[in-house]
Amino acid sequence: MFGLFRKKDPLSELQKKYEKTMAEVHKLSHVNRKKADLLMAEADNIARQIEALKKAKNR
């Protein structure tokens, strides 16, 4: 019950956001390629943030 209010670690939050964005990219790629490309760029930025956090965590 107390886990509801516990802040999740930023890495897992970013990974969840990345997965959600990629799913949306896949859906949009069938309908609107331009929006899908914009979302793909956003997903790429999220992936870079994930990699930066992983590198910082390993140090």
C-alpha atoms as a PDB file:
ATOM      1  CA  MET A   1       0.000   0.000   0.000  1.00  0.00           C
ATOM      2  CA  PHE A   2       2.814   2.383   0.820  1.00  0.00           C
ATOM      3  CA  GLY A   3       4.441   1.597  -2.509  1.00  0.00           C
ATOM      4  CA  LEU A   4       1.804   3.708  -4.240  1.00  0.00           C
ATOM      5  CA  PHE A   5       3.465   6.918  -3.150  1.00  0.00           C
ATOM      6  CA  ARG A   6       7.061   5.801  -3.582  1.00  0.00           C
ATOM      7  CA  LYS A   7       8.888   7.640  -6.329  1.00  0.00           C
ATOM      8  CA  LYS A   8      10.077   5.318  -9.077  1.00  0.00           C
ATOM      9  CA  ASP A   9      13.621   5.433 -10.271  1.00  0.00           C
ATOM     10  CA  PRO A  10      14.138   7.772 -13.259  1.00  0.00           C
ATOM     11  CA  LEU A  11      15.568   5.005 -15.441  1.00  0.00           C
ATOM     12  CA  SER A  12      12.438   2.854 -15.233  1.00  0.00           C
ATOM     13  CA  GLU A  13      10.220   5.887 -15.836  1.00  0.00           C
ATOM     14  CA  LEU A  14      12.180   6.788 -18.971  1.00  0.00           C
ATOM     15  CA  GLN A  15      12.065   3.205 -20.224  1.00  0.00           C
ATOM     16  CA  LYS A  16       8.299   3.106 -19.770  1.00  0.00           C
ATOM     17  CA  LYS A  17       7.964   6.453 -21.586  1.00  0.00           C
ATOM     18  CA  TYR A  18      10.193   5.141 -24.407  1.00  0.00           C
ATOM     19  CA  GLU A  19       8.095   2.000 -24.840  1.00  0.00           C
ATOM     20  CA  LYS A  20       4.873   4.021 -24.887  1.00  0.00           C
ATOM     21  CA  THR A  21       6.296   6.460 -27.437  1.00  0.00           C
ATOM     22  CA  MET A  22       7.530   3.667 -29.692  1.00  0.00           C
ATOM     23  CA  ALA A  23       4.108   1.990 -29.598  1.00  0.00           C
ATOM     24  CA  GLU A  24       2.536   5.286 -30.639  1.00  0.00           C
ATOM     25  CA  VAL A  25       5.120   5.659 -33.429  1.00  0.00           C
ATOM     26  CA  HIS A  26       4.180   2.241 -34.747  1.00  0.00           C
ATOM     27  CA  LYS A  27       0.476   3.122 -34.781  1.00  0.00           C
ATOM     28  CA  LEU A  28       1.056   6.493 -36.435  1.00  0.00           C
ATOM     29  CA  SER A  29       3.409   5.089 -39.056  1.00  0.00           C
ATOM     30  CA  HIS A  30       0.424   3.501 -40.775  1.00  0.00           C
ATOM     31  CA  VAL A  31      -1.610   6.700 -40.804  1.00  0.00           C
ATOM     32  CA  ASN A  32       0.561   9.802 -40.645  1.00  0.00           C
ATOM     33  CA  ARG A  33       4.221   9.370 -41.484  1.00  0.00           C
ATOM     34  CA  LYS A  34       5.203  12.946 -40.641  1.00  0.00           C
ATOM     35  CA  LYS A  35       3.868  12.739 -37.075  1.00  0.00           C
ATOM     36  CA  ALA A  36       5.463   9.322 -36.699  1.00  0.00           C
ATOM     37  CA  ASP A  37       8.833  10.780 -37.684  1.00  0.00           C
ATOM     38  CA  LEU A  38       8.464  13.570 -35.129  1.00  0.00           C
ATOM     39  CA  LEU A  39       7.602  11.079 -32.405  1.00  0.00           C
ATOM     40  CA  MET A  40      10.520   8.895 -33.470  1.00  0.00           C
ATOM     41  CA  ALA A  41      12.850  11.847 -32.910  1.00  0.00           C
ATOM     42  CA  GLU A  42      11.375  12.277 -29.439  1.00  0.00           C
ATOM     43  CA  ALA A  43      11.861   8.564 -28.742  1.00  0.00           C
ATOM     44  CA  ASP A  44      15.474   8.898 -29.875  1.00  0.00           C
ATOM     45  CA  ASN A  45      16.018  11.688 -27.350  1.00  0.00           C
ATOM     46  CA  ILE A  46      14.524   9.518 -24.615  1.00  0.00           C
ATOM     47  CA  ALA A  47      16.839   6.660 -25.621  1.00  0.00           C
ATOM     48  CA  ARG A  48      19.828   8.997 -25.335  1.00  0.00           C
ATOM     49  CA  GLN A  49      18.711  10.023 -21.844  1.00  0.00           C
ATOM     50  CA  ILE A  50      18.399   6.355 -20.874  1.00  0.00           C
ATOM     51  CA  GLU A  51      21.921   5.637 -22.119  1.00  0.00           C
ATOM     52  CA  ALA A  52      23.285   8.657 -20.233  1.00  0.00           C
ATOM     53  CA  LEU A  53      21.638   7.470 -17.014  1.00  0.00           C
ATOM     54  CA  LYS A  54      23.010   3.958 -17.489  1.00  0.00           C
ATOM     55  CA  LYS A  55      26.523   5.314 -18.020  1.00  0.00           C
ATOM     56  CA  ALA A  56      26.241   7.553 -14.963  1.00  0.00           C
ATOM     57  CA  LYS A  57      24.941   4.641 -12.900  1.00  0.00           C
ATOM     58  CA  ASN A  58      27.870   2.407 -13.913  1.00  0.00           C
ATOM     59  CA  ARG A  59      30.461   4.934 -12.796  1.00  0.00           C
END
